[in-house]
Amino acid sequence: MLTKELLTKLESRNGLLVMIDLSHFSLLNAWLGHTHADKVLDGFQSILDKSVRMRERNFVFRWGGDEFIVFLEDMNYAHAHIYLNRLRAMSPLAFDATFISYYQMTSIDALETLDALLLKHKRERDASI
């Protein structure tokens, strides 16, 4: 899933990478059907796009399925919590999210770390249900 476009966008950047995964989207997909579920994903992408407009160099990238990468330039962990709280208030959909600082990592290392952290978070969430 790692694309040249994403790697190019991350080149020479500092900030936070946020990985967002819609919670239990496969159930919604099964209930609504693929066509309607895709419209839900497009709507969520629009919400994400609006959420990053505060800075020109921020961006949203569809990672795959129901996962998205958000880059927030020159932000720290406190900003990330504020951003995610605002995003949750904007979105009718529940989601899981994790984030890391993106300063002195390679793009591939950063994205692999994000993916592993999100998977761990989801497993912990599901184990507590």
N, C-alpha and C. Protein backbone atom coordinates (compact mmCIF):
# COMPACT_ATOMS: atom_id res chain seq x y z
N MET A 1 0.80 -1.20 0.00
CA MET A 1 0.00 0.00 0.00
C MET A 1 0.85 1.27 0.00
N LEU A 2 2.10 1.12 0.32
CA LEU A 2 2.96 2.28 0.37
C LEU A 2 3.15 2.82 -1.04
N THR A 3 2.79 4.06 -1.25
CA THR A 3 2.85 4.60 -2.59
C THR A 3 3.90 5.68 -2.70
N LYS A 4 4.35 5.89 -3.91
CA LYS A 4 5.34 6.93 -4.17
C LYS A 4 4.77 8.31 -3.83
N GLU A 5 3.46 8.49 -4.09
CA GLU A 5 2.83 9.78 -3.80
C GLU A 5 2.93 10.12 -2.31
N LEU A 6 2.64 9.15 -1.45
CA LEU A 6 2.71 9.40 -0.01
C LEU A 6 4.14 9.66 0.43
N LEU A 7 5.07 8.85 -0.06
CA LEU A 7 6.47 9.05 0.31
C LEU A 7 6.97 10.42 -0.13
N THR A 8 6.55 10.86 -1.30
CA THR A 8 6.95 12.18 -1.79
C THR A 8 6.38 13.28 -0.91
N LYS A 9 5.13 13.13 -0.50
CA LYS A 9 4.51 14.15 0.35
C LYS A 9 5.19 14.25 1.72
N LEU A 10 5.72 13.13 2.20
CA LEU A 10 6.34 13.12 3.52
C LEU A 10 7.80 13.58 3.51
N GLU A 11 8.39 13.64 2.34
CA GLU A 11 9.80 13.98 2.23
C GLU A 11 10.08 15.36 2.82
N SER A 12 11.08 15.43 3.67
CA SER A 12 11.55 16.69 4.28
C SER A 12 10.46 17.39 5.10
N ARG A 13 9.64 16.64 5.78
CA ARG A 13 8.56 17.22 6.59
C ARG A 13 8.79 16.90 8.06
N ASN A 14 8.26 17.75 8.92
CA ASN A 14 8.24 17.53 10.36
C ASN A 14 6.81 17.71 10.84
N GLY A 15 6.38 16.85 11.73
CA GLY A 15 5.04 16.96 12.27
C GLY A 15 4.56 15.65 12.85
N LEU A 16 3.27 15.44 12.76
CA LEU A 16 2.66 14.21 13.27
C LEU A 16 2.02 13.44 12.14
N LEU A 17 2.15 12.14 12.21
CA LEU A 17 1.40 11.25 11.33
C LEU A 17 0.32 10.61 12.18
N VAL A 18 -0.90 10.70 11.71
CA VAL A 18 -2.04 10.11 12.40
C VAL A 18 -2.62 9.04 11.48
N MET A 19 -2.80 7.83 12.02
CA MET A 19 -3.46 6.79 11.26
C MET A 19 -4.84 6.59 11.87
N ILE A 20 -5.85 6.63 11.01
CA ILE A 20 -7.24 6.53 11.44
C ILE A 20 -7.88 5.32 10.78
N ASP A 21 -8.58 4.55 11.57
CA ASP A 21 -9.27 3.36 11.08
C ASP A 21 -10.71 3.42 11.59
N LEU A 22 -11.66 3.34 10.67
CA LEU A 22 -13.06 3.38 11.08
C LEU A 22 -13.40 2.12 11.87
N SER A 23 -14.03 2.29 13.01
CA SER A 23 -14.33 1.17 13.90
C SER A 23 -15.40 0.26 13.31
N HIS A 24 -15.07 -1.01 13.23
CA HIS A 24 -16.03 -2.04 12.80
C HIS A 24 -16.68 -1.71 11.46
N PHE A 25 -15.91 -1.14 10.54
CA PHE A 25 -16.48 -0.74 9.26
C PHE A 25 -16.96 -1.93 8.45
N SER A 26 -16.35 -3.08 8.64
CA SER A 26 -16.77 -4.26 7.88
C SER A 26 -18.23 -4.60 8.16
N LEU A 27 -18.70 -4.35 9.38
CA LEU A 27 -20.12 -4.59 9.70
C LEU A 27 -21.01 -3.61 8.94
N LEU A 28 -20.60 -2.37 8.88
CA LEU A 28 -21.35 -1.36 8.13
C LEU A 28 -21.37 -1.70 6.65
N ASN A 29 -20.24 -2.15 6.15
CA ASN A 29 -20.14 -2.54 4.75
C ASN A 29 -21.09 -3.71 4.44
N ALA A 30 -21.14 -4.68 5.34
CA ALA A 30 -22.03 -5.83 5.14
C ALA A 30 -23.50 -5.41 5.22
N TRP A 31 -23.81 -4.47 6.09
CA TRP A 31 -25.19 -4.03 6.29
C TRP A 31 -25.67 -3.14 5.14
N LEU A 32 -24.84 -2.19 4.72
CA LEU A 32 -25.23 -1.24 3.68
C LEU A 32 -24.98 -1.74 2.27
N GLY A 33 -24.00 -2.61 2.14
CA GLY A 33 -23.56 -3.02 0.81
C GLY A 33 -22.39 -2.15 0.39
N HIS A 34 -21.62 -2.69 -0.54
CA HIS A 34 -20.36 -2.05 -0.93
C HIS A 34 -20.56 -0.64 -1.51
N THR A 35 -21.54 -0.47 -2.35
CA THR A 35 -21.76 0.83 -3.01
C THR A 35 -22.07 1.92 -2.00
N HIS A 36 -22.98 1.65 -1.06
CA HIS A 36 -23.34 2.65 -0.06
C HIS A 36 -22.22 2.86 0.96
N ALA A 37 -21.52 1.78 1.28
CA ALA A 37 -20.40 1.90 2.22
C ALA A 37 -19.29 2.78 1.62
N ASP A 38 -19.08 2.67 0.31
CA ASP A 38 -18.09 3.54 -0.34
C ASP A 38 -18.50 5.01 -0.22
N LYS A 39 -19.78 5.29 -0.29
CA LYS A 39 -20.25 6.67 -0.12
C LYS A 39 -19.99 7.16 1.30
N VAL A 40 -20.12 6.26 2.27
CA VAL A 40 -19.81 6.61 3.66
C VAL A 40 -18.33 6.94 3.78
N LEU A 41 -17.48 6.14 3.14
CA LEU A 41 -16.04 6.41 3.16
C LEU A 41 -15.71 7.75 2.50
N ASP A 42 -16.37 8.03 1.39
CA ASP A 42 -16.15 9.32 0.72
C ASP A 42 -16.57 10.48 1.63
N GLY A 43 -17.68 10.31 2.35
CA GLY A 43 -18.14 11.34 3.28
C GLY A 43 -17.15 11.54 4.42
N PHE A 44 -16.59 10.43 4.94
CA PHE A 44 -15.60 10.54 6.00
C PHE A 44 -14.33 11.22 5.48
N GLN A 45 -13.94 10.89 4.26
CA GLN A 45 -12.77 11.55 3.66
C GLN A 45 -13.01 13.06 3.55
N SER A 46 -14.22 13.46 3.21
CA SER A 46 -14.53 14.89 3.14
C SER A 46 -14.39 15.56 4.50
N ILE A 47 -14.84 14.87 5.54
CA ILE A 47 -14.69 15.40 6.91
C ILE A 47 -13.21 15.55 7.24
N LEU A 48 -12.42 14.54 6.89
CA LEU A 48 -10.98 14.62 7.14
C LEU A 48 -10.35 15.77 6.37
N ASP A 49 -10.74 15.90 5.11
CA ASP A 49 -10.19 17.01 4.30
C ASP A 49 -10.49 18.36 4.93
N LYS A 50 -11.71 18.54 5.42
CA LYS A 50 -12.07 19.80 6.09
C LYS A 50 -11.27 19.98 7.37
N SER A 51 -10.98 18.88 8.06
CA SER A 51 -10.31 18.96 9.35
C SER A 51 -8.86 19.40 9.25
N VAL A 52 -8.25 19.27 8.07
CA VAL A 52 -6.83 19.63 7.94
C VAL A 52 -6.60 20.93 7.19
N ARG A 53 -7.66 21.59 6.80
CA ARG A 53 -7.51 22.83 6.02
C ARG A 53 -6.88 23.98 6.78
N MET A 54 -6.69 23.82 8.09
CA MET A 54 -6.12 24.90 8.89
C MET A 54 -4.71 25.26 8.44
N ARG A 55 -4.02 24.31 7.82
CA ARG A 55 -2.67 24.57 7.32
C ARG A 55 -2.54 23.99 5.92
N GLU A 56 -1.94 24.76 5.07
CA GLU A 56 -1.82 24.38 3.66
C GLU A 56 -1.03 23.10 3.45
N ARG A 57 -0.04 22.84 4.29
CA ARG A 57 0.83 21.69 4.08
C ARG A 57 0.34 20.42 4.78
N ASN A 58 -0.77 20.49 5.49
CA ASN A 58 -1.38 19.28 6.04
C ASN A 58 -2.05 18.52 4.90
N PHE A 59 -2.19 17.23 5.07
CA PHE A 59 -2.89 16.47 4.03
C PHE A 59 -3.49 15.19 4.59
N VAL A 60 -4.41 14.63 3.83
CA VAL A 60 -5.06 13.35 4.13
C VAL A 60 -4.74 12.42 2.97
N PHE A 61 -4.46 11.17 3.32
CA PHE A 61 -4.14 10.18 2.31
C PHE A 61 -4.93 8.91 2.63
N ARG A 62 -5.66 8.40 1.68
CA ARG A 62 -6.40 7.14 1.88
C ARG A 62 -5.39 6.00 1.86
N TRP A 63 -5.26 5.33 2.98
CA TRP A 63 -4.27 4.27 3.15
C TRP A 63 -4.77 2.96 2.59
N GLY A 64 -6.05 2.74 2.68
CA GLY A 64 -6.63 1.51 2.14
C GLY A 64 -7.89 1.17 2.90
N GLY A 65 -8.81 0.52 2.24
CA GLY A 65 -10.04 0.11 2.92
C GLY A 65 -10.64 1.26 3.69
N ASP A 66 -10.65 1.12 4.99
CA ASP A 66 -11.23 2.15 5.86
C ASP A 66 -10.15 2.83 6.71
N GLU A 67 -8.94 2.86 6.20
CA GLU A 67 -7.83 3.49 6.92
C GLU A 67 -7.34 4.73 6.17
N PHE A 68 -6.98 5.72 6.96
CA PHE A 68 -6.51 7.00 6.41
C PHE A 68 -5.26 7.44 7.16
N ILE A 69 -4.39 8.14 6.45
CA ILE A 69 -3.21 8.78 7.06
C ILE A 69 -3.45 10.29 7.00
N VAL A 70 -3.23 10.95 8.13
CA VAL A 70 -3.33 12.41 8.19
C VAL A 70 -1.96 12.92 8.61
N PHE A 71 -1.45 13.88 7.88
CA PHE A 71 -0.20 14.53 8.25
C PHE A 71 -0.51 15.92 8.76
N LEU A 72 -0.04 16.21 9.97
CA LEU A 72 -0.25 17.52 10.61
C LEU A 72 1.12 18.16 10.83
N GLU A 73 1.43 19.14 10.01
CA GLU A 73 2.75 19.74 10.04
C GLU A 73 3.01 20.53 11.32
N ASP A 74 4.21 20.36 11.86
CA ASP A 74 4.68 21.11 13.02
C ASP A 74 3.74 21.04 14.21
N MET A 75 3.13 19.89 14.44
CA MET A 75 2.24 19.72 15.60
C MET A 75 2.86 18.73 16.56
N ASN A 76 2.49 18.85 17.84
CA ASN A 76 2.99 17.94 18.86
C ASN A 76 1.84 17.06 19.37
N TYR A 77 2.13 16.23 20.36
CA TYR A 77 1.12 15.29 20.86
C TYR A 77 -0.10 15.99 21.45
N ALA A 78 0.10 17.09 22.13
CA ALA A 78 -1.04 17.83 22.69
C ALA A 78 -1.95 18.30 21.57
N HIS A 79 -1.35 18.80 20.50
CA HIS A 79 -2.15 19.22 19.34
C HIS A 79 -2.91 18.05 18.73
N ALA A 80 -2.27 16.89 18.71
CA ALA A 80 -2.92 15.70 18.13
C ALA A 80 -4.17 15.33 18.92
N HIS A 81 -4.09 15.39 20.23
CA HIS A 81 -5.27 15.07 21.05
C HIS A 81 -6.40 16.07 20.78
N ILE A 82 -6.06 17.33 20.68
CA ILE A 82 -7.06 18.36 20.37
C ILE A 82 -7.66 18.10 18.99
N TYR A 83 -6.81 17.83 18.01
CA TYR A 83 -7.28 17.54 16.66
C TYR A 83 -8.23 16.35 16.65
N LEU A 84 -7.85 15.26 17.31
CA LEU A 84 -8.70 14.06 17.30
C LEU A 84 -10.03 14.30 18.02
N ASN A 85 -10.02 15.08 19.09
CA ASN A 85 -11.27 15.41 19.77
C ASN A 85 -12.19 16.23 18.86
N ARG A 86 -11.62 17.18 18.14
CA ARG A 86 -12.42 17.97 17.20
C ARG A 86 -12.94 17.10 16.06
N LEU A 87 -12.10 16.21 15.59
CA LEU A 87 -12.51 15.31 14.50
C LEU A 87 -13.64 14.40 14.96
N ARG A 88 -13.55 13.88 16.18
CA ARG A 88 -14.63 13.03 16.70
C ARG A 88 -15.94 13.81 16.81
N ALA A 89 -15.85 15.09 17.15
CA ALA A 89 -17.06 15.92 17.23
C ALA A 89 -17.65 16.17 15.84
N MET A 90 -16.81 16.18 14.80
CA MET A 90 -17.28 16.43 13.43
C MET A 90 -17.84 15.18 12.76
N SER A 91 -17.42 14.01 13.23
CA SER A 91 -17.73 12.77 12.52
C SER A 91 -18.85 11.98 13.19
N PRO A 92 -19.81 11.52 12.40
CA PRO A 92 -20.85 10.64 12.95
C PRO A 92 -20.34 9.21 13.10
N LEU A 93 -19.15 8.92 12.59
CA LEU A 93 -18.60 7.57 12.63
C LEU A 93 -17.56 7.45 13.73
N ALA A 94 -17.56 6.32 14.41
CA ALA A 94 -16.53 6.04 15.42
C ALA A 94 -15.26 5.59 14.70
N PHE A 95 -14.12 5.92 15.27
CA PHE A 95 -12.86 5.51 14.66
C PHE A 95 -11.80 5.32 15.73
N ASP A 96 -10.81 4.52 15.37
CA ASP A 96 -9.62 4.35 16.19
C ASP A 96 -8.53 5.18 15.54
N ALA A 97 -7.63 5.68 16.37
CA ALA A 97 -6.54 6.48 15.82
C ALA A 97 -5.29 6.31 16.66
N THR A 98 -4.18 6.41 16.01
CA THR A 98 -2.90 6.44 16.70
C THR A 98 -2.02 7.44 15.96
N PHE A 99 -1.00 7.94 16.62
CA PHE A 99 -0.15 8.93 15.98
C PHE A 99 1.26 8.84 16.52
N ILE A 100 2.18 9.30 15.69
CA ILE A 100 3.59 9.37 16.08
C ILE A 100 4.17 10.66 15.55
N SER A 101 5.24 11.10 16.22
CA SER A 101 6.00 12.24 15.69
C SER A 101 6.73 11.79 14.46
N TYR A 102 6.76 12.66 13.48
CA TYR A 102 7.47 12.35 12.26
C TYR A 102 8.55 13.40 12.08
N TYR A 103 9.71 13.11 12.68
CA TYR A 103 10.82 14.05 12.57
C TYR A 103 12.04 13.36 11.99
N GLN A 104 12.54 12.38 12.68
CA GLN A 104 13.77 11.77 12.22
C GLN A 104 13.57 10.28 11.96
N MET A 105 12.53 9.98 11.22
CA MET A 105 12.26 8.61 10.84
C MET A 105 12.18 8.56 9.32
N THR A 106 12.43 7.40 8.78
CA THR A 106 12.15 7.26 7.36
C THR A 106 10.65 7.08 7.20
N SER A 107 10.14 7.39 6.06
CA SER A 107 8.71 7.27 5.80
C SER A 107 8.23 5.84 6.03
N ILE A 108 8.98 4.89 5.55
CA ILE A 108 8.57 3.49 5.67
C ILE A 108 8.54 3.08 7.14
N ASP A 109 9.57 3.43 7.90
CA ASP A 109 9.59 3.09 9.33
C ASP A 109 8.41 3.73 10.06
N ALA A 110 8.14 4.97 9.75
CA ALA A 110 7.03 5.68 10.41
C ALA A 110 5.70 5.01 10.12
N LEU A 111 5.46 4.67 8.88
CA LEU A 111 4.17 4.06 8.51
C LEU A 111 4.03 2.65 9.07
N GLU A 112 5.11 1.90 9.10
CA GLU A 112 5.06 0.57 9.71
C GLU A 112 4.80 0.67 11.21
N THR A 113 5.42 1.65 11.86
CA THR A 113 5.20 1.86 13.30
C THR A 113 3.75 2.24 13.57
N LEU A 114 3.21 3.15 12.77
CA LEU A 114 1.81 3.56 12.92
C LEU A 114 0.87 2.37 12.76
N ASP A 115 1.09 1.58 11.75
CA ASP A 115 0.25 0.43 11.47
C ASP A 115 0.28 -0.55 12.64
N ALA A 116 1.46 -0.82 13.17
CA ALA A 116 1.59 -1.74 14.31
C ALA A 116 0.91 -1.19 15.56
N LEU A 117 1.06 0.11 15.81
CA LEU A 117 0.41 0.73 16.98
C LEU A 117 -1.11 0.67 16.88
N LEU A 118 -1.63 0.93 15.69
CA LEU A 118 -3.08 0.90 15.51
C LEU A 118 -3.61 -0.52 15.68
N LEU A 119 -2.93 -1.51 15.14
CA LEU A 119 -3.34 -2.90 15.30
C LEU A 119 -3.35 -3.29 16.77
N LYS A 120 -2.32 -2.90 17.51
CA LYS A 120 -2.25 -3.18 18.95
C LYS A 120 -3.43 -2.53 19.68
N HIS A 121 -3.71 -1.28 19.35
CA HIS A 121 -4.82 -0.56 19.97
C HIS A 121 -6.15 -1.27 19.71
N LYS A 122 -6.37 -1.69 18.48
CA LYS A 122 -7.63 -2.35 18.13
C LYS A 122 -7.77 -3.69 18.84
N ARG A 123 -6.67 -4.43 18.96
CA ARG A 123 -6.71 -5.71 19.67
C ARG A 123 -7.03 -5.51 21.15
N GLU A 124 -6.43 -4.48 21.75
CA GLU A 124 -6.70 -4.18 23.15
C GLU A 124 -8.15 -3.75 23.34
N ARG A 125 -8.67 -2.94 22.41
CA ARG A 125 -10.06 -2.50 22.46
C ARG A 125 -11.00 -3.71 22.36
N ASP A 126 -10.74 -4.57 21.40
CA ASP A 126 -11.61 -5.73 21.17
C ASP A 126 -11.53 -6.72 22.33
N ALA A 127 -10.38 -6.84 22.97
CA ALA A 127 -10.23 -7.74 24.10
C ALA A 127 -11.00 -7.26 25.32
N SER A 128 -11.23 -5.95 25.39
CA SER A 128 -11.94 -5.40 26.56
C SER A 128 -13.45 -5.41 26.39
N ILE A 129 -13.92 -5.80 25.21
CA ILE A 129 -15.39 -5.83 24.96
C ILE A 129 -16.00 -7.09 25.50
